[in-house]
PDB file of N, CA and C in Angstrom:
ATOM      1  N   MET A   1      39.816  73.032 -37.617  1.00  0.00           N
ATOM      2  CA  MET A   1      38.476  73.295 -37.100  1.00  0.00           C
ATOM      3  C   MET A   1      38.088  72.244 -36.045  1.00  0.00           C
ATOM      4  N   ILE A   2      38.367  70.967 -36.345  1.00  0.00           N
ATOM      5  CA  ILE A   2      38.052  69.907 -35.389  1.00  0.00           C
ATOM      6  C   ILE A   2      38.899  70.070 -34.137  1.00  0.00           C
ATOM      7  N   TYR A   3      40.126  70.550 -34.325  1.00  0.00           N
ATOM      8  CA  TYR A   3      41.039  70.793 -33.214  1.00  0.00           C
ATOM      9  C   TYR A   3      40.421  71.792 -32.232  1.00  0.00           C
ATOM     10  N   LEU A   4      39.891  72.880 -32.739  1.00  0.00           N
ATOM     11  CA  LEU A   4      39.249  73.898 -31.899  1.00  0.00           C
ATOM     12  C   LEU A   4      37.941  73.387 -31.303  1.00  0.00           C
ATOM     13  N   LYS A   5      37.207  72.593 -32.074  1.00  0.00           N
ATOM     14  CA  LYS A   5      35.942  72.048 -31.593  1.00  0.00           C
ATOM     15  C   LYS A   5      36.167  71.140 -30.379  1.00  0.00           C
ATOM     16  N   ASN A   6      37.196  70.303 -30.421  1.00  0.00           N
ATOM     17  CA  ASN A   6      37.487  69.434 -29.277  1.00  0.00           C
ATOM     18  C   ASN A   6      37.927  70.237 -28.070  1.00  0.00           C
ATOM     19  N   LYS A   7      38.654  71.321 -28.309  1.00  0.00           N
ATOM     20  CA  LYS A   7      39.059  72.194 -27.207  1.00  0.00           C
ATOM     21  C   LYS A   7      37.840  72.817 -26.538  1.00  0.00           C
ATOM     22  N   ILE A   8      36.875  73.249 -27.327  1.00  0.00           N
ATOM     23  CA  ILE A   8      35.635  73.834 -26.788  1.00  0.00           C
ATOM     24  C   ILE A   8      34.823  72.767 -26.061  1.00  0.00           C
ATOM     25  N   ASN A   9      34.761  71.550 -26.609  1.00  0.00           N
ATOM     26  CA  ASN A   9      34.028  70.462 -25.956  1.00  0.00           C
ATOM     27  C   ASN A   9      34.633  70.108 -24.606  1.00  0.00           C
ATOM     28  N   ILE A  10      35.954  70.176 -24.497  1.00  0.00           N
ATOM     29  CA  ILE A  10      36.601  69.912 -23.211  1.00  0.00           C
ATOM     30  C   ILE A  10      36.158  70.939 -22.182  1.00  0.00           C
ATOM     31  N   ILE A  11      36.149  72.192 -22.570  1.00  0.00           N
ATOM     32  CA  ILE A  11      35.741  73.257 -21.652  1.00  0.00           C
ATOM     33  C   ILE A  11      34.271  73.104 -21.262  1.00  0.00           C
ATOM     34  N   ILE A  12      33.430  72.775 -22.236  1.00  0.00           N
ATOM     35  CA  ILE A  12      31.993  72.632 -21.965  1.00  0.00           C
ATOM     36  C   ILE A  12      31.718  71.454 -21.036  1.00  0.00           C
ATOM     37  N   THR A  13      32.447  70.367 -21.169  1.00  0.00           N
ATOM     38  CA  THR A  13      32.157  69.193 -20.346  1.00  0.00           C
ATOM     39  C   THR A  13      32.864  69.209 -18.996  1.00  0.00           C
ATOM     40  N   ILE A  14      33.949  69.957 -18.862  1.00  0.00           N
ATOM     41  CA  ILE A  14      34.653  69.949 -17.577  1.00  0.00           C
ATOM     42  C   ILE A  14      33.930  70.810 -16.544  1.00  0.00           C
ATOM     43  N   ILE A  15      33.185  71.814 -16.978  1.00  0.00           N
ATOM     44  CA  ILE A  15      32.469  72.674 -16.022  1.00  0.00           C
ATOM     45  C   ILE A  15      31.394  71.889 -15.263  1.00  0.00           C
ATOM     46  N   PRO A  16      30.487  71.147 -15.931  1.00  0.00           N
ATOM     47  CA  PRO A  16      29.535  70.355 -15.142  1.00  0.00           C
ATOM     48  C   PRO A  16      30.184  69.211 -14.371  1.00  0.00           C
ATOM     49  N   ALA A  17      31.297  68.673 -14.880  1.00  0.00           N
ATOM     50  CA  ALA A  17      31.987  67.604 -14.144  1.00  0.00           C
ATOM     51  C   ALA A  17      32.483  68.119 -12.800  1.00  0.00           C
ATOM     52  N   ILE A  18      33.099  69.273 -12.810  1.00  0.00           N
ATOM     53  CA  ILE A  18      33.572  69.873 -11.557  1.00  0.00           C
ATOM     54  C   ILE A  18      32.402  70.254 -10.673  1.00  0.00           C
ATOM     55  N   ALA A  19      31.350  70.810 -11.262  1.00  0.00           N
ATOM     56  CA  ALA A  19      30.181  71.234 -10.476  1.00  0.00           C
ATOM     57  C   ALA A  19      29.515  70.051  -9.775  1.00  0.00           C
ATOM     58  N   PHE A  20      29.263  68.965 -10.491  1.00  0.00           N
ATOM     59  CA  PHE A  20      28.615  67.816  -9.868  1.00  0.00           C
ATOM     60  C   PHE A  20      29.523  67.129  -8.855  1.00  0.00           C
ATOM     61  N   THR A  21      30.829  67.200  -9.070  1.00  0.00           N
ATOM     62  CA  THR A  21      31.750  66.648  -8.079  1.00  0.00           C
ATOM     63  C   THR A  21      31.680  67.458  -6.791  1.00  0.00           C
ATOM     64  N   ILE A  22      31.666  68.773  -6.907  1.00  0.00           N
ATOM     65  CA  ILE A  22      31.578  69.632  -5.724  1.00  0.00           C
ATOM     66  C   ILE A  22      30.230  69.456  -5.025  1.00  0.00           C
ATOM     67  N   ILE A  23      29.154  69.316  -5.799  1.00  0.00           N
ATOM     68  CA  ILE A  23      27.831  69.117  -5.205  1.00  0.00           C
ATOM     69  C   ILE A  23      27.776  67.807  -4.421  1.00  0.00           C
ATOM     70  N   SER A  24      28.448  66.768  -4.909  1.00  0.00           N
ATOM     71  CA  SER A  24      28.356  65.461  -4.253  1.00  0.00           C
ATOM     72  C   SER A  24      29.227  65.346  -3.006  1.00  0.00           C
ATOM     73  N   LEU A  25      30.193  66.237  -2.810  1.00  0.00           N
ATOM     74  CA  LEU A  25      31.098  66.118  -1.672  1.00  0.00           C
ATOM     75  C   LEU A  25      30.406  66.149  -0.306  1.00  0.00           C
ATOM     76  N   PRO A  26      29.455  67.069  -0.049  1.00  0.00           N
ATOM     77  CA  PRO A  26      28.792  67.024   1.263  1.00  0.00           C
ATOM     78  C   PRO A  26      28.006  65.737   1.500  1.00  0.00           C
ATOM     79  N   TYR A  27      27.473  65.158   0.444  1.00  0.00           N
ATOM     80  CA  TYR A  27      26.724  63.913   0.606  1.00  0.00           C
ATOM     81  C   TYR A  27      27.648  62.745   0.893  1.00  0.00           C
ATOM     82  N   TRP A  28      28.871  62.758   0.321  1.00  0.00           N
ATOM     83  CA  TRP A  28      29.857  61.751   0.684  1.00  0.00           C
ATOM     84  C   TRP A  28      30.190  61.860   2.162  1.00  0.00           C
ATOM     85  N   TYR A  29      30.371  63.103   2.625  1.00  0.00           N
ATOM     86  CA  TYR A  29      30.671  63.329   4.037  1.00  0.00           C
ATOM     87  C   TYR A  29      29.515  62.823   4.907  1.00  0.00           C
ATOM     88  N   GLY A  30      28.298  63.149   4.513  1.00  0.00           N
ATOM     89  CA  GLY A  30      27.134  62.712   5.275  1.00  0.00           C
ATOM     90  C   GLY A  30      26.971  61.205   5.290  1.00  0.00           C
ATOM     91  N   TYR A  31      27.335  60.562   4.186  1.00  0.00           N
ATOM     92  CA  TYR A  31      27.192  59.110   4.131  1.00  0.00           C
ATOM     93  C   TYR A  31      28.203  58.414   5.034  1.00  0.00           C
ATOM     94  N   PHE A  32      29.430  58.889   5.056  1.00  0.00           N
ATOM     95  CA  PHE A  32      30.465  58.189   5.805  1.00  0.00           C
ATOM     96  C   PHE A  32      30.569  58.617   7.265  1.00  0.00           C
ATOM     97  N   PHE A  33      30.239  59.868   7.593  1.00  0.00           N
ATOM     98  CA  PHE A  33      30.510  60.360   8.940  1.00  0.00           C
ATOM     99  C   PHE A  33      29.270  60.687   9.759  1.00  0.00           C
ATOM    100  N   LEU A  34      28.115  60.739   9.139  1.00  0.00           N
ATOM    101  CA  LEU A  34      26.897  61.051   9.882  1.00  0.00           C
ATOM    102  C   LEU A  34      25.993  59.835  10.006  1.00  0.00           C
ATOM    103  N   SER A  35      26.564  58.690  10.241  1.00  0.00           N
ATOM    104  CA  SER A  35      25.761  57.484  10.342  1.00  0.00           C
ATOM    105  C   SER A  35      25.172  57.388  11.754  1.00  0.00           C
ATOM    106  N   ASP A  36      23.880  57.464  11.828  1.00  0.00           N
ATOM    107  CA  ASP A  36      23.164  57.376  13.105  1.00  0.00           C
ATOM    108  C   ASP A  36      22.404  56.057  13.119  1.00  0.00           C
ATOM    109  N   PRO A  37      22.682  55.187  14.072  1.00  0.00           N
ATOM    110  CA  PRO A  37      22.011  53.880  14.068  1.00  0.00           C
ATOM    111  C   PRO A  37      20.506  53.973  14.335  1.00  0.00           C
ATOM    112  N   PHE A  38      20.052  55.073  14.940  1.00  0.00           N
ATOM    113  CA  PHE A  38      18.626  55.208  15.237  1.00  0.00           C
ATOM    114  C   PHE A  38      17.839  55.798  14.070  1.00  0.00           C
ATOM    115  N   PHE A  39      18.547  56.467  13.149  1.00  0.00           N
ATOM    116  CA  PHE A  39      17.888  57.051  11.982  1.00  0.00           C
ATOM    117  C   PHE A  39      18.619  56.615  10.709  1.00  0.00           C
ATOM    118  N   PRO A  40      18.445  55.369  10.294  1.00  0.00           N
ATOM    119  CA  PRO A  40      19.182  54.891   9.101  1.00  0.00           C
ATOM    120  C   PRO A  40      18.693  55.538   7.809  1.00  0.00           C
ATOM    121  N   GLU A  41      17.486  56.129   7.823  1.00  0.00           N
ATOM    122  CA  GLU A  41      16.999  56.741   6.591  1.00  0.00           C
ATOM    123  C   GLU A  41      17.819  57.967   6.204  1.00  0.00           C
ATOM    124  N   ILE A  42      18.494  58.589   7.169  1.00  0.00           N
ATOM    125  CA  ILE A  42      19.361  59.721   6.847  1.00  0.00           C
ATOM    126  C   ILE A  42      20.538  59.222   6.004  1.00  0.00           C
ATOM    127  N   LYS A  43      21.135  58.125   6.420  1.00  0.00           N
ATOM    128  CA  LYS A  43      22.258  57.564   5.676  1.00  0.00           C
ATOM    129  C   LYS A  43      21.797  57.085   4.296  1.00  0.00           C
ATOM    130  N   TYR A  44      20.594  56.518   4.228  1.00  0.00           N
ATOM    131  CA  TYR A  44      20.081  56.031   2.952  1.00  0.00           C
ATOM    132  C   TYR A  44      19.832  57.191   1.991  1.00  0.00           C
ATOM    133  N   SER A  45      19.285  58.306   2.494  1.00  0.00           N
ATOM    134  CA  SER A  45      19.038  59.444   1.604  1.00  0.00           C
ATOM    135  C   SER A  45      20.353  60.040   1.102  1.00  0.00           C
ATOM    136  N   HIS A  46      21.392  60.045   1.958  1.00  0.00           N
ATOM    137  CA  HIS A  46      22.693  60.516   1.502  1.00  0.00           C
ATOM    138  C   HIS A  46      23.272  59.564   0.456  1.00  0.00           C
ATOM    139  N   LEU A  47      23.057  58.269   0.633  1.00  0.00           N
ATOM    140  CA  LEU A  47      23.559  57.298  -0.331  1.00  0.00           C
ATOM    141  C   LEU A  47      22.899  57.494  -1.694  1.00  0.00           C
ATOM    142  N   LEU A  48      21.592  57.777  -1.712  1.00  0.00           N
ATOM    143  CA  LEU A  48      20.918  58.005  -2.988  1.00  0.00           C
ATOM    144  C   LEU A  48      21.486  59.220  -3.705  1.00  0.00           C
ATOM    145  N   ARG A  49      21.752  60.275  -2.948  1.00  0.00           N
ATOM    146  CA  ARG A  49      22.312  61.478  -3.576  1.00  0.00           C
ATOM    147  C   ARG A  49      23.757  61.249  -4.020  1.00  0.00           C
ATOM    148  N   VAL A  50      24.508  60.486  -3.238  1.00  0.00           N
ATOM    149  CA  VAL A  50      25.878  60.150  -3.641  1.00  0.00           C
ATOM    150  C   VAL A  50      25.850  59.380  -4.954  1.00  0.00           C
ATOM    151  N   GLU A  51      24.954  58.409  -5.059  1.00  0.00           N
ATOM    152  CA  GLU A  51      24.868  57.628  -6.295  1.00  0.00           C
ATOM    153  C   GLU A  51      24.436  58.502  -7.469  1.00  0.00           C
ATOM    154  N   LEU A  52      23.461  59.378  -7.251  1.00  0.00           N
ATOM    155  CA  LEU A  52      22.964  60.231  -8.336  1.00  0.00           C
ATOM    156  C   LEU A  52      24.030  61.205  -8.807  1.00  0.00           C
ATOM    157  N   TYR A  53      24.530  62.029  -7.899  1.00  0.00           N
ATOM    158  CA  TYR A  53      25.506  63.042  -8.300  1.00  0.00           C
ATOM    159  C   TYR A  53      26.843  62.423  -8.679  1.00  0.00           C
ATOM    160  N   GLY A  54      27.215  61.336  -8.022  1.00  0.00           N
ATOM    161  CA  GLY A  54      28.457  60.656  -8.377  1.00  0.00           C
ATOM    162  C   GLY A  54      28.402  60.067  -9.777  1.00  0.00           C
ATOM    163  N   THR A  55      27.280  59.472 -10.135  1.00  0.00           N
ATOM    164  CA  THR A  55      27.130  58.895 -11.474  1.00  0.00           C
ATOM    165  C   THR A  55      27.153  59.986 -12.540  1.00  0.00           C
ATOM    166  N   ILE A  56      26.460  61.085 -12.283  1.00  0.00           N
ATOM    167  CA  ILE A  56      26.441  62.183 -13.251  1.00  0.00           C
ATOM    168  C   ILE A  56      27.842  62.771 -13.414  1.00  0.00           C
ATOM    169  N   SER A  57      28.542  62.981 -12.294  1.00  0.00           N
ATOM    170  CA  SER A  57      29.876  63.570 -12.399  1.00  0.00           C
ATOM    171  C   SER A  57      30.844  62.614 -13.103  1.00  0.00           C
ATOM    172  N   LEU A  58      30.745  61.301 -12.821  1.00  0.00           N
ATOM    173  CA  LEU A  58      31.608  60.347 -13.526  1.00  0.00           C
ATOM    174  C   LEU A  58      31.338  60.335 -15.025  1.00  0.00           C
ATOM    175  N   LEU A  59      30.072  60.448 -15.392  1.00  0.00           N
ATOM    176  CA  LEU A  59      29.726  60.505 -16.804  1.00  0.00           C
ATOM    177  C   LEU A  59      30.394  61.706 -17.477  1.00  0.00           C
ATOM    178  N   PHE A  60      30.288  62.872 -16.839  1.00  0.00           N
ATOM    179  CA  PHE A  60      30.919  64.058 -17.418  1.00  0.00           C
ATOM    180  C   PHE A  60      32.441  63.943 -17.444  1.00  0.00           C
ATOM    181  N   TRP A  61      33.049  63.323 -16.406  1.00  0.00           N
ATOM    182  CA  TRP A  61      34.504  63.147 -16.410  1.00  0.00           C
ATOM    183  C   TRP A  61      34.931  62.214 -17.539  1.00  0.00           C
ATOM    184  N   PHE A  62      34.184  61.129 -17.787  1.00  0.00           N
ATOM    185  CA  PHE A  62      34.532  60.219 -18.883  1.00  0.00           C
ATOM    186  C   PHE A  62      34.432  60.922 -20.232  1.00  0.00           C
ATOM    187  N   VAL A  63      33.383  61.707 -20.420  1.00  0.00           N
ATOM    188  CA  VAL A  63      33.228  62.436 -21.683  1.00  0.00           C
ATOM    189  C   VAL A  63      34.355  63.453 -21.838  1.00  0.00           C
ATOM    190  N   THR A  64      34.707  64.128 -20.737  1.00  0.00           N
ATOM    191  CA  THR A  64      35.803  65.099 -20.791  1.00  0.00           C
ATOM    192  C   THR A  64      37.109  64.427 -21.181  1.00  0.00           C
ATOM    193  N   PHE A  65      37.423  63.279 -20.574  1.00  0.00           N
ATOM    194  CA  PHE A  65      38.655  62.586 -20.915  1.00  0.00           C
ATOM    195  C   PHE A  65      38.631  62.030 -22.333  1.00  0.00           C
ATOM    196  N   PHE A  66      37.445  61.675 -22.825  1.00  0.00           N
ATOM    197  CA  PHE A  66      37.320  61.237 -24.214  1.00  0.00           C
ATOM    198  C   PHE A  66      37.682  62.374 -25.163  1.00  0.00           C
ATOM    199  N   TYR A  67      37.106  63.559 -24.929  1.00  0.00           N
ATOM    200  CA  TYR A  67      37.431  64.700 -25.777  1.00  0.00           C
ATOM    201  C   TYR A  67      38.892  65.114 -25.621  1.00  0.00           C
ATOM    202  N   TYR A  68      39.429  64.986 -24.406  1.00  0.00           N
ATOM    203  CA  TYR A  68      40.831  65.335 -24.193  1.00  0.00           C
ATOM    204  C   TYR A  68      41.761  64.398 -24.951  1.00  0.00           C
ATOM    205  N   SER A  69      41.423  63.113 -24.966  1.00  0.00           N
ATOM    206  CA  SER A  69      42.272  62.169 -25.712  1.00  0.00           C
ATOM    207  C   SER A  69      42.197  62.445 -27.214  1.00  0.00           C
ATOM    208  N   LYS A  70      41.012  62.782 -27.723  1.00  0.00           N
ATOM    209  CA  LYS A  70      40.900  63.150 -29.134  1.00  0.00           C
ATOM    210  C   LYS A  70      41.709  64.404 -29.430  1.00  0.00           C
ATOM    211  N   TYR A  71      41.649  65.367 -28.527  1.00  0.00           N
ATOM    212  CA  TYR A  71      42.393  66.617 -28.672  1.00  0.00           C
ATOM    213  C   TYR A  71      43.905  66.346 -28.707  1.00  0.00           C
ATOM    214  N   LYS A  72      44.394  65.487 -27.798  1.00  0.00           N
ATOM    215  CA  LYS A  72      45.820  65.184 -27.752  1.00  0.00           C
ATOM    216  C   LYS A  72      46.274  64.430 -29.013  1.00  0.00           C
ATOM    217  N   MET A  73      45.426  63.497 -29.489  1.00  0.00           N
ATOM    218  CA  MET A  73      45.787  62.764 -30.709  1.00  0.00           C
ATOM    219  C   MET A  73      45.881  63.705 -31.900  1.00  0.00           C
ATOM    220  N   GLN A  74      44.915  64.623 -32.018  1.00  0.00           N
ATOM    221  CA  GLN A  74      44.939  65.552 -33.141  1.00  0.00           C
ATOM    222  C   GLN A  74      46.085  66.552 -33.015  1.00  0.00           C
ATOM    223  N   LYS A  75      46.408  66.929 -31.776  1.00  0.00           N
ATOM    224  CA  LYS A  75      47.529  67.837 -31.575  1.00  0.00           C
ATOM    225  C   LYS A  75      48.841  67.149 -31.957  1.00  0.00           C
ATOM    226  N   ASN A  76      48.995  65.879 -31.568  1.00  0.00           N
ATOM    227  CA  ASN A  76      50.202  65.133 -31.944  1.00  0.00           C
ATOM    228  C   ASN A  76      50.290  64.936 -33.454  1.00  0.00           C
ATOM    229  N   LYS A  77      49.144  64.662 -34.091  1.00  0.00           N
ATOM    230  CA  LYS A  77      49.117  64.483 -35.534  1.00  0.00           C
ATOM    231  C   LYS A  77      49.490  65.788 -36.234  1.00  0.00           C
ATOM    232  N   LYS A  78      48.977  66.900 -35.693  1.00  0.00           N
ATOM    233  CA  LYS A  78      49.264  68.205 -36.277  1.00  0.00           C
ATOM    234  C   LYS A  78      50.743  68.561 -36.094  1.00  0.00           C
ATOM    235  N   ASP A  79      51.321  68.223 -34.940  1.00  0.00           N
ATOM    236  CA  ASP A  79      52.739  68.516 -34.693  1.00  0.00           C
ATOM    237  C   ASP A  79      53.657  67.656 -35.545  1.00  0.00           C
ATOM    238  N   ASN A  80      53.225  66.455 -35.887  1.00  0.00           N
ATOM    239  CA  ASN A  80      54.056  65.554 -36.681  1.00  0.00           C
ATOM    240  C   ASN A  80      54.071  65.912 -38.167  1.00  0.00           C
ATOM    241  N   LEU A  81      53.109  66.705 -38.594  1.00  0.00           N
ATOM    242  CA  LEU A  81      53.059  67.061 -40.024  1.00  0.00           C
ATOM    243  C   LEU A  81      54.041  68.114 -40.382  1.00  0.00           C
TER     244      LEU A  81
END
């Protein structure tokens, strides 16, 4: 039962991780390539969004890898029995 629960948790957490990563990509592009010296507030607003969406996506990726490691440990334990 725990084996299936971790599998479901991986699926549930990887969807928002991918979504927030995709959402943050245009802001990364805007931060690095759209730097205008006359309008620095544009770069600053992109930086805020990069930090927000990047932090959220990293959080979901860490949780996903945590559940994946639990899943792999339980799968190895189950295979060894």
